[in-house]
Amino acid sequence: MKCHRRRAERAGFTLIEILVVLAVIGLIAATVGVAVHKHWVESRLKIAQIQVRDVTHTVEQFVISRDQCPTLDQLLAEGYLRNAARDPWGTPLQLRCPGQHARDGADVVSAGPDKELETADDIQSWKL
C-alpha cells in the first residue's frame, strides 16, 4: 500500500515545473514576435517604395501619351491606376506634376509610417 501511495504522489507535474515551462514558452514567443514585427515593418516600407516608383512610372507614361501632367484622380479615372494610390498606412500618395525634383517627371511622395508629410520618414520618388 505504501508503494502504491508514492507512485500516486509522484504522478503529474508540480506548479513550479509548469511555471518554468510557461516562462520558456513565453520567452520563445516574445523572441519570435519581435523578429516578425521587424520584418513586417520593413516590408511595409518596401511596399511603399514600390508604390511610389509605380505611380512615378505611370505618370511618365501618361505624360508621354497625352503630353500633359495628370492628377491622381485623372490617372484613376482613365485606367492608368487600378486603385486609389494609398500607401500601406492608408494615406493617399501625393503627386506634384511637373515635379520640382524630377527633371521631366513628377514628384510622388508617401507620408510614411507617421502619416505626416515633410517629415524624415517620407518616401520620396526622387530619392529612390
C-alpha atoms as a PDB file:
ATOM      1  CA  MET A   1       0.000   0.000   0.000  1.00  0.00           C
ATOM      2  CA  LYS A   2       2.844   2.362   0.868  1.00  0.00           C
ATOM      3  CA  CYS A   3       4.469   1.722  -2.533  1.00  0.00           C
ATOM      4  CA  HIS A   4       1.221   2.492  -4.323  1.00  0.00           C
ATOM      5  CA  ARG A   5       0.879   5.821  -2.491  1.00  0.00           C
ATOM      6  CA  ARG A   6       4.375   7.008  -3.527  1.00  0.00           C
ATOM      7  CA  ARG A   7       3.574   6.425  -7.179  1.00  0.00           C
ATOM      8  CA  ALA A   8       0.399   8.475  -6.825  1.00  0.00           C
ATOM      9  CA  GLU A   9       2.319  11.309  -5.165  1.00  0.00           C
ATOM     10  CA  ARG A  10       4.895  11.336  -7.954  1.00  0.00           C
ATOM     11  CA  ALA A  11       2.343  11.338 -10.784  1.00  0.00           C
ATOM     12  CA  GLY A  12       1.793  14.710 -12.522  1.00  0.00           C
ATOM     13  CA  PHE A  13       3.806  17.933 -12.553  1.00  0.00           C
ATOM     14  CA  THR A  14       4.489  20.416  -9.798  1.00  0.00           C
ATOM     15  CA  LEU A  15       3.377  24.009 -10.064  1.00  0.00           C
ATOM     16  CA  ILE A  16       6.992  25.157 -10.361  1.00  0.00           C
ATOM     17  CA  GLU A  17       7.616  22.829 -13.308  1.00  0.00           C
ATOM     18  CA  ILE A  18       4.536  24.140 -15.091  1.00  0.00           C
ATOM     19  CA  LEU A  19       5.550  27.761 -14.443  1.00  0.00           C
ATOM     20  CA  VAL A  20       9.068  27.122 -15.774  1.00  0.00           C
ATOM     21  CA  VAL A  21       7.651  25.611 -18.974  1.00  0.00           C
ATOM     22  CA  LEU A  22       5.243  28.531 -19.403  1.00  0.00           C
ATOM     23  CA  ALA A  23       8.094  31.013 -18.895  1.00  0.00           C
ATOM     24  CA  VAL A  24      10.208  29.286 -21.553  1.00  0.00           C
ATOM     25  CA  ILE A  25       7.267  29.265 -23.992  1.00  0.00           C
ATOM     26  CA  GLY A  26       6.695  32.969 -23.273  1.00  0.00           C
ATOM     27  CA  LEU A  27      10.331  33.841 -23.978  1.00  0.00           C
ATOM     28  CA  ILE A  28      10.282  31.935 -27.265  1.00  0.00           C
ATOM     29  CA  ALA A  29       7.025  33.594 -28.318  1.00  0.00           C
ATOM     30  CA  ALA A  30       8.383  37.059 -27.469  1.00  0.00           C
ATOM     31  CA  THR A  31      11.561  36.462 -29.454  1.00  0.00           C
ATOM     32  CA  VAL A  32       9.637  35.266 -32.493  1.00  0.00           C
ATOM     33  CA  GLY A  33       7.186  38.176 -32.172  1.00  0.00           C
ATOM     34  CA  VAL A  34       9.958  40.776 -32.196  1.00  0.00           C
ATOM     35  CA  ALA A  35      11.570  39.221 -35.279  1.00  0.00           C
ATOM     36  CA  VAL A  36       8.269  39.011 -37.149  1.00  0.00           C
ATOM     37  CA  HIS A  37       7.347  42.605 -36.279  1.00  0.00           C
ATOM     38  CA  LYS A  38      10.705  43.873 -37.542  1.00  0.00           C
ATOM     39  CA  HIS A  39      10.217  42.152 -40.908  1.00  0.00           C
ATOM     40  CA  TRP A  40       6.608  43.363 -41.092  1.00  0.00           C
ATOM     41  CA  VAL A  41       7.708  46.999 -40.641  1.00  0.00           C
ATOM     42  CA  GLU A  42      10.465  46.606 -43.244  1.00  0.00           C
ATOM     43  CA  SER A  43       8.067  45.022 -45.732  1.00  0.00           C
ATOM     44  CA  ARG A  44       5.600  47.908 -45.414  1.00  0.00           C
ATOM     45  CA  LEU A  45       8.421  50.362 -46.185  1.00  0.00           C
ATOM     46  CA  LYS A  46       9.423  48.345 -49.264  1.00  0.00           C
ATOM     47  CA  ILE A  47       5.793  48.195 -50.439  1.00  0.00           C
ATOM     48  CA  ALA A  48       5.530  51.979 -50.133  1.00  0.00           C
ATOM     49  CA  GLN A  49       8.746  52.431 -52.138  1.00  0.00           C
ATOM     50  CA  ILE A  50       7.397  50.160 -54.878  1.00  0.00           C
ATOM     51  CA  GLN A  51       4.098  52.062 -54.960  1.00  0.00           C
ATOM     52  CA  VAL A  52       5.892  55.397 -55.264  1.00  0.00           C
ATOM     53  CA  ARG A  53       8.014  54.046 -58.133  1.00  0.00           C
ATOM     54  CA  ASP A  54       4.959  52.567 -59.876  1.00  0.00           C
ATOM     55  CA  VAL A  55       2.996  55.807 -59.693  1.00  0.00           C
ATOM     56  CA  THR A  56       6.037  57.740 -60.940  1.00  0.00           C
ATOM     57  CA  HIS A  57       6.338  55.414 -63.957  1.00  0.00           C
ATOM     58  CA  THR A  58       2.588  55.640 -64.570  1.00  0.00           C
ATOM     59  CA  VAL A  59       2.778  59.439 -64.620  1.00  0.00           C
ATOM     60  CA  GLU A  60       5.682  59.242 -67.077  1.00  0.00           C
ATOM     61  CA  GLN A  61       3.593  57.003 -69.361  1.00  0.00           C
ATOM     62  CA  PHE A  62       0.665  59.413 -69.156  1.00  0.00           C
ATOM     63  CA  VAL A  63       2.876  62.408 -69.964  1.00  0.00           C
ATOM     64  CA  ILE A  64       4.353  60.596 -72.972  1.00  0.00           C
ATOM     65  CA  SER A  65       0.960  59.583 -74.348  1.00  0.00           C
ATOM     66  CA  ARG A  66      -1.015  62.776 -73.538  1.00  0.00           C
ATOM     67  CA  ASP A  67       1.700  65.435 -73.356  1.00  0.00           C
ATOM     68  CA  GLN A  68       0.226  66.855 -70.144  1.00  0.00           C
ATOM     69  CA  CYS A  69       0.602  66.348 -66.411  1.00  0.00           C
ATOM     70  CA  PRO A  70      -2.134  64.300 -64.746  1.00  0.00           C
ATOM     71  CA  THR A  71      -3.674  64.289 -61.303  1.00  0.00           C
ATOM     72  CA  LEU A  72      -4.083  61.068 -59.329  1.00  0.00           C
ATOM     73  CA  ASP A  73      -7.850  61.251 -59.908  1.00  0.00           C
ATOM     74  CA  GLN A  74      -7.288  61.565 -63.642  1.00  0.00           C
ATOM     75  CA  LEU A  75      -4.930  58.558 -63.645  1.00  0.00           C
ATOM     76  CA  LEU A  76      -7.553  56.525 -61.805  1.00  0.00           C
ATOM     77  CA  ALA A  77     -10.462  57.659 -63.982  1.00  0.00           C
ATOM     78  CA  GLU A  78      -8.643  56.914 -67.235  1.00  0.00           C
ATOM     79  CA  GLY A  79      -7.482  53.457 -66.158  1.00  0.00           C
ATOM     80  CA  TYR A  80      -3.805  54.177 -65.649  1.00  0.00           C
ATOM     81  CA  LEU A  81      -4.210  53.166 -61.992  1.00  0.00           C
ATOM     82  CA  ARG A  82      -6.393  50.275 -60.816  1.00  0.00           C
ATOM     83  CA  ASN A  83      -6.896  51.523 -57.256  1.00  0.00           C
ATOM     84  CA  ALA A  84      -6.677  54.812 -55.438  1.00  0.00           C
ATOM     85  CA  ALA A  85      -2.998  55.475 -54.744  1.00  0.00           C
ATOM     86  CA  ARG A  86      -2.637  54.890 -50.985  1.00  0.00           C
ATOM     87  CA  ASP A  87       0.442  53.820 -49.088  1.00  0.00           C
ATOM     88  CA  PRO A  88       0.432  50.806 -46.713  1.00  0.00           C
ATOM     89  CA  TRP A  89      -0.598  53.096 -43.846  1.00  0.00           C
ATOM     90  CA  GLY A  90      -3.735  54.232 -45.683  1.00  0.00           C
ATOM     91  CA  THR A  91      -2.535  57.724 -46.556  1.00  0.00           C
ATOM     92  CA  PRO A  92      -3.052  58.925 -50.153  1.00  0.00           C
ATOM     93  CA  LEU A  93       0.135  59.399 -52.153  1.00  0.00           C
ATOM     94  CA  GLN A  94       0.944  62.988 -53.084  1.00  0.00           C
ATOM     95  CA  LEU A  95       1.659  63.866 -56.712  1.00  0.00           C
ATOM     96  CA  ARG A  96       3.247  67.057 -57.980  1.00  0.00           C
ATOM     97  CA  CYS A  97       3.495  67.295 -61.760  1.00  0.00           C
ATOM     98  CA  PRO A  98       5.699  68.723 -63.125  1.00  0.00           C
ATOM     99  CA  GLY A  99       7.952  67.886 -60.248  1.00  0.00           C
ATOM    100  CA  GLN A 100      10.310  70.231 -58.504  1.00  0.00           C
ATOM    101  CA  HIS A 101      12.895  67.493 -58.013  1.00  0.00           C
ATOM    102  CA  ALA A 102      12.449  65.249 -61.047  1.00  0.00           C
ATOM    103  CA  ARG A 103      13.527  66.861 -64.308  1.00  0.00           C
ATOM    104  CA  ASP A 104      10.834  65.767 -66.749  1.00  0.00           C
ATOM    105  CA  GLY A 105       8.631  63.729 -64.475  1.00  0.00           C
ATOM    106  CA  ALA A 106       6.618  64.050 -61.347  1.00  0.00           C
ATOM    107  CA  ASP A 107       7.370  64.129 -57.658  1.00  0.00           C
ATOM    108  CA  VAL A 108       5.493  61.378 -55.833  1.00  0.00           C
ATOM    109  CA  VAL A 109       5.567  61.232 -52.036  1.00  0.00           C
ATOM    110  CA  SER A 110       4.295  58.809 -49.402  1.00  0.00           C
ATOM    111  CA  ALA A 111       3.864  60.328 -45.949  1.00  0.00           C
ATOM    112  CA  GLY A 112       5.426  57.241 -44.372  1.00  0.00           C
ATOM    113  CA  PRO A 113       4.584  55.495 -41.112  1.00  0.00           C
ATOM    114  CA  ASP A 114       3.850  58.700 -39.195  1.00  0.00           C
ATOM    115  CA  LYS A 115       1.257  59.736 -41.843  1.00  0.00           C
ATOM    116  CA  GLU A 116       2.571  63.313 -41.916  1.00  0.00           C
ATOM    117  CA  LEU A 117       4.143  64.946 -44.949  1.00  0.00           C
ATOM    118  CA  GLU A 118       7.500  66.696 -44.882  1.00  0.00           C
ATOM    119  CA  THR A 119       8.970  64.619 -42.081  1.00  0.00           C
ATOM    120  CA  ALA A 120      12.092  62.450 -42.012  1.00  0.00           C
ATOM    121  CA  ASP A 121      10.250  59.202 -42.754  1.00  0.00           C
ATOM    122  CA  ASP A 122       8.653  60.374 -46.038  1.00  0.00           C
ATOM    123  CA  ILE A 123       9.266  58.159 -49.054  1.00  0.00           C
ATOM    124  CA  GLN A 124      10.078  60.418 -51.999  1.00  0.00           C
ATOM    125  CA  SER A 125      10.357  59.392 -55.634  1.00  0.00           C
ATOM    126  CA  TRP A 126      13.470  61.489 -56.319  1.00  0.00           C
ATOM    127  CA  LYS A 127      15.360  59.729 -53.500  1.00  0.00           C
ATOM    128  CA  LEU A 128      14.666  56.182 -54.668  1.00  0.00           C
END
